[in-house]
Amino acid sequence: MTAYAVKRSNGEWSLMLINKDGKNGTNVKVSITGTNLAGKGVRFDYGKTNPPDGNSVTGKPMDGGGNSFSVAMPPYTATVILIPKA
């Protein structure tokens, strides 16, 4: 598992989570401090079980975000989550 996080100039956070295990899914716990984040965001998944639709990856609404939440990750998948500031 690899994780990257970026705080954008508008206060929004972008997270990239990568499950490098080709056989096993995982559950990732995310905790962000020092700001108040919205409970809803957008999630983009790309991997073996989530191929792109043509040339793009479609974002899906994500509930249950905020400053602390868990993300279920399928095997061998990269997930990008965008969470706006509350």
N, C-alpha and C. Protein backbone atom coordinates (compact mmCIF):
# COMPACT_ATOMS: atom_id res chain seq x y z
N MET A 1 0.85 -1.17 0.00
CA MET A 1 0.00 0.00 0.00
C MET A 1 0.90 1.23 0.00
N THR A 2 0.54 2.17 -0.86
CA THR A 2 1.23 3.45 -0.93
C THR A 2 0.18 4.55 -0.87
N ALA A 3 0.52 5.67 -0.21
CA ALA A 3 -0.43 6.78 -0.09
C ALA A 3 0.28 8.10 -0.33
N TYR A 4 -0.42 9.01 -1.00
CA TYR A 4 0.05 10.37 -1.24
C TYR A 4 -1.10 11.30 -0.90
N ALA A 5 -0.78 12.47 -0.35
CA ALA A 5 -1.81 13.46 -0.03
C ALA A 5 -1.31 14.85 -0.40
N VAL A 6 -2.23 15.66 -0.92
CA VAL A 6 -1.91 17.03 -1.31
C VAL A 6 -3.02 17.95 -0.83
N LYS A 7 -2.64 19.03 -0.17
CA LYS A 7 -3.62 20.07 0.18
C LYS A 7 -3.51 21.14 -0.90
N ARG A 8 -4.61 21.36 -1.60
CA ARG A 8 -4.64 22.34 -2.68
C ARG A 8 -4.80 23.75 -2.12
N SER A 9 -4.50 24.75 -2.92
CA SER A 9 -4.57 26.14 -2.47
C SER A 9 -5.99 26.56 -2.08
N ASN A 10 -7.01 25.88 -2.61
CA ASN A 10 -8.40 26.21 -2.26
C ASN A 10 -8.87 25.48 -1.00
N GLY A 11 -8.00 24.74 -0.33
CA GLY A 11 -8.33 24.03 0.90
C GLY A 11 -8.80 22.61 0.69
N GLU A 12 -9.03 22.22 -0.57
CA GLU A 12 -9.44 20.86 -0.90
C GLU A 12 -8.23 19.91 -0.76
N TRP A 13 -8.51 18.67 -0.36
CA TRP A 13 -7.46 17.66 -0.26
C TRP A 13 -7.62 16.63 -1.37
N SER A 14 -6.51 16.19 -1.92
CA SER A 14 -6.48 15.11 -2.90
C SER A 14 -5.64 13.99 -2.31
N LEU A 15 -6.21 12.78 -2.29
CA LEU A 15 -5.51 11.61 -1.78
C LEU A 15 -5.36 10.60 -2.89
N MET A 16 -4.20 10.00 -3.02
CA MET A 16 -4.01 8.89 -3.93
C MET A 16 -3.58 7.68 -3.11
N LEU A 17 -4.38 6.63 -3.16
CA LEU A 17 -4.09 5.39 -2.45
C LEU A 17 -3.85 4.31 -3.49
N ILE A 18 -2.79 3.53 -3.32
CA ILE A 18 -2.45 2.49 -4.29
C ILE A 18 -2.30 1.17 -3.57
N ASN A 19 -3.17 0.22 -3.90
CA ASN A 19 -3.06 -1.14 -3.37
C ASN A 19 -2.25 -1.94 -4.39
N LYS A 20 -1.02 -2.27 -4.05
CA LYS A 20 -0.11 -2.97 -4.96
C LYS A 20 -0.26 -4.48 -4.92
N ASP A 21 -1.10 -4.98 -4.02
CA ASP A 21 -1.34 -6.42 -3.91
C ASP A 21 -2.32 -6.85 -5.00
N GLY A 22 -1.89 -7.76 -5.86
CA GLY A 22 -2.72 -8.20 -6.97
C GLY A 22 -3.79 -9.20 -6.61
N LYS A 23 -3.77 -9.72 -5.38
CA LYS A 23 -4.73 -10.75 -5.00
C LYS A 23 -5.66 -10.35 -3.86
N ASN A 24 -5.22 -9.43 -3.01
CA ASN A 24 -5.99 -9.12 -1.80
C ASN A 24 -6.42 -7.66 -1.75
N GLY A 25 -7.71 -7.46 -1.42
CA GLY A 25 -8.19 -6.12 -1.14
C GLY A 25 -7.74 -5.71 0.25
N THR A 26 -7.92 -4.44 0.57
CA THR A 26 -7.54 -3.95 1.89
C THR A 26 -8.47 -2.82 2.30
N ASN A 27 -8.47 -2.50 3.56
CA ASN A 27 -9.25 -1.40 4.10
C ASN A 27 -8.27 -0.38 4.67
N VAL A 28 -8.28 0.84 4.13
CA VAL A 28 -7.33 1.88 4.53
C VAL A 28 -8.02 2.89 5.43
N LYS A 29 -7.42 3.16 6.59
CA LYS A 29 -7.94 4.19 7.49
C LYS A 29 -7.22 5.50 7.18
N VAL A 30 -8.01 6.56 6.94
CA VAL A 30 -7.48 7.87 6.61
C VAL A 30 -7.83 8.84 7.73
N SER A 31 -6.86 9.64 8.16
CA SER A 31 -7.08 10.65 9.18
C SER A 31 -6.30 11.90 8.79
N ILE A 32 -7.02 13.02 8.66
CA ILE A 32 -6.41 14.29 8.28
C ILE A 32 -6.73 15.31 9.37
N THR A 33 -5.69 15.94 9.91
CA THR A 33 -5.88 16.91 10.99
C THR A 33 -5.49 18.31 10.52
N GLY A 34 -5.90 19.30 11.28
CA GLY A 34 -5.51 20.68 11.00
C GLY A 34 -6.45 21.44 10.09
N THR A 35 -7.56 20.82 9.71
CA THR A 35 -8.54 21.46 8.84
C THR A 35 -9.88 20.77 9.03
N ASN A 36 -10.96 21.36 8.56
CA ASN A 36 -12.27 20.72 8.59
C ASN A 36 -12.66 20.37 7.16
N LEU A 37 -12.85 19.09 6.90
CA LEU A 37 -13.19 18.63 5.56
C LEU A 37 -14.64 18.21 5.47
N ALA A 38 -15.21 18.33 4.28
CA ALA A 38 -16.60 17.97 4.03
C ALA A 38 -16.80 16.47 4.17
N GLY A 39 -18.02 16.07 4.45
CA GLY A 39 -18.36 14.66 4.58
C GLY A 39 -18.56 13.96 3.25
N LYS A 40 -18.65 14.74 2.17
CA LYS A 40 -18.84 14.18 0.84
C LYS A 40 -17.69 14.59 -0.06
N GLY A 41 -17.32 13.70 -0.96
CA GLY A 41 -16.26 13.98 -1.91
C GLY A 41 -16.50 13.19 -3.19
N VAL A 42 -15.45 13.05 -3.97
CA VAL A 42 -15.51 12.30 -5.22
C VAL A 42 -14.38 11.28 -5.21
N ARG A 43 -14.69 10.07 -5.68
CA ARG A 43 -13.73 8.97 -5.69
C ARG A 43 -13.53 8.46 -7.11
N PHE A 44 -12.27 8.30 -7.51
CA PHE A 44 -11.91 7.76 -8.82
C PHE A 44 -11.11 6.48 -8.59
N ASP A 45 -11.54 5.36 -9.16
CA ASP A 45 -10.84 4.08 -9.03
C ASP A 45 -10.34 3.62 -10.40
N TYR A 46 -9.12 3.11 -10.41
CA TYR A 46 -8.56 2.55 -11.63
C TYR A 46 -7.77 1.29 -11.28
N GLY A 47 -8.11 0.18 -11.91
CA GLY A 47 -7.38 -1.06 -11.63
C GLY A 47 -7.96 -2.22 -12.42
N LYS A 48 -7.51 -3.42 -12.06
CA LYS A 48 -7.97 -4.63 -12.74
C LYS A 48 -9.49 -4.76 -12.74
N THR A 49 -10.09 -4.51 -11.59
CA THR A 49 -11.55 -4.67 -11.49
C THR A 49 -12.29 -3.37 -11.80
N ASN A 50 -11.56 -2.28 -12.06
CA ASN A 50 -12.16 -0.98 -12.36
C ASN A 50 -11.49 -0.36 -13.57
N PRO A 51 -11.64 -0.97 -14.76
CA PRO A 51 -10.98 -0.40 -15.94
C PRO A 51 -11.63 0.92 -16.34
N PRO A 52 -10.90 1.76 -17.09
CA PRO A 52 -11.47 3.05 -17.50
C PRO A 52 -12.60 2.86 -18.50
N ASP A 53 -13.46 3.86 -18.58
CA ASP A 53 -14.54 3.90 -19.56
C ASP A 53 -14.03 4.67 -20.77
N GLY A 54 -13.50 3.96 -21.74
CA GLY A 54 -12.87 4.62 -22.88
C GLY A 54 -11.51 5.16 -22.46
N ASN A 55 -11.33 6.47 -22.58
CA ASN A 55 -10.06 7.10 -22.22
C ASN A 55 -10.10 7.85 -20.90
N SER A 56 -11.16 7.67 -20.12
CA SER A 56 -11.25 8.41 -18.87
C SER A 56 -11.76 7.54 -17.73
N VAL A 57 -11.44 7.98 -16.53
CA VAL A 57 -11.93 7.33 -15.31
C VAL A 57 -13.01 8.22 -14.73
N THR A 58 -14.18 7.68 -14.53
CA THR A 58 -15.32 8.46 -14.05
C THR A 58 -15.34 8.51 -12.53
N GLY A 59 -15.51 9.70 -12.00
CA GLY A 59 -15.61 9.86 -10.55
C GLY A 59 -16.99 9.47 -10.05
N LYS A 60 -17.01 8.95 -8.84
CA LYS A 60 -18.27 8.55 -8.20
C LYS A 60 -18.39 9.30 -6.88
N PRO A 61 -19.60 9.77 -6.55
CA PRO A 61 -19.78 10.45 -5.26
C PRO A 61 -19.39 9.54 -4.10
N MET A 62 -18.81 10.14 -3.09
CA MET A 62 -18.37 9.39 -1.91
C MET A 62 -18.93 10.06 -0.66
N ASP A 63 -19.69 9.32 0.12
CA ASP A 63 -20.21 9.80 1.40
C ASP A 63 -19.34 9.26 2.52
N GLY A 64 -19.47 9.83 3.69
CA GLY A 64 -18.76 9.33 4.86
C GLY A 64 -17.32 9.78 4.93
N GLY A 65 -17.00 10.88 4.25
CA GLY A 65 -15.63 11.40 4.27
C GLY A 65 -15.36 12.17 5.56
N GLY A 66 -14.94 13.40 5.42
CA GLY A 66 -14.59 14.20 6.59
C GLY A 66 -13.13 14.04 6.92
N ASN A 67 -12.81 14.21 8.19
CA ASN A 67 -11.40 14.16 8.60
C ASN A 67 -10.92 12.76 8.95
N SER A 68 -11.83 11.83 9.14
CA SER A 68 -11.43 10.46 9.49
C SER A 68 -12.44 9.48 8.87
N PHE A 69 -11.93 8.55 8.06
CA PHE A 69 -12.80 7.60 7.39
C PHE A 69 -11.98 6.41 6.91
N SER A 70 -12.66 5.37 6.46
CA SER A 70 -12.01 4.17 5.92
C SER A 70 -12.36 4.02 4.45
N VAL A 71 -11.43 3.47 3.69
CA VAL A 71 -11.62 3.27 2.26
C VAL A 71 -11.35 1.80 1.94
N ALA A 72 -12.34 1.12 1.37
CA ALA A 72 -12.16 -0.26 0.92
C ALA A 72 -11.47 -0.21 -0.44
N MET A 73 -10.35 -0.91 -0.54
CA MET A 73 -9.55 -0.91 -1.77
C MET A 73 -9.54 -2.30 -2.39
N PRO A 74 -9.99 -2.45 -3.65
CA PRO A 74 -9.88 -3.73 -4.33
C PRO A 74 -8.40 -4.06 -4.60
N PRO A 75 -8.11 -5.30 -4.95
CA PRO A 75 -6.72 -5.65 -5.30
C PRO A 75 -6.21 -4.84 -6.49
N TYR A 76 -4.94 -4.54 -6.48
CA TYR A 76 -4.21 -3.90 -7.59
C TYR A 76 -4.99 -2.73 -8.17
N THR A 77 -5.28 -1.73 -7.32
CA THR A 77 -6.09 -0.58 -7.70
C THR A 77 -5.48 0.71 -7.18
N ALA A 78 -5.57 1.75 -8.00
CA ALA A 78 -5.22 3.11 -7.58
C ALA A 78 -6.52 3.88 -7.40
N THR A 79 -6.66 4.55 -6.27
CA THR A 79 -7.85 5.33 -5.96
C THR A 79 -7.44 6.76 -5.64
N VAL A 80 -8.12 7.71 -6.27
CA VAL A 80 -7.91 9.13 -5.99
C VAL A 80 -9.21 9.65 -5.37
N ILE A 81 -9.08 10.34 -4.24
CA ILE A 81 -10.23 10.89 -3.53
C ILE A 81 -10.04 12.40 -3.42
N LEU A 82 -11.05 13.15 -3.81
CA LEU A 82 -11.05 14.60 -3.68
C LEU A 82 -12.05 14.97 -2.60
N ILE A 83 -11.58 15.69 -1.57
CA ILE A 83 -12.43 16.09 -0.45
C ILE A 83 -12.37 17.60 -0.31
N PRO A 84 -13.51 18.28 -0.50
CA PRO A 84 -13.50 19.73 -0.34
C PRO A 84 -13.44 20.15 1.12
N LYS A 85 -13.02 21.37 1.34
CA LYS A 85 -13.03 21.95 2.68
C LYS A 85 -14.47 22.17 3.10
N ALA A 86 -14.77 21.94 4.38
CA ALA A 86 -16.14 22.11 4.89
C ALA A 86 -16.50 23.57 4.99
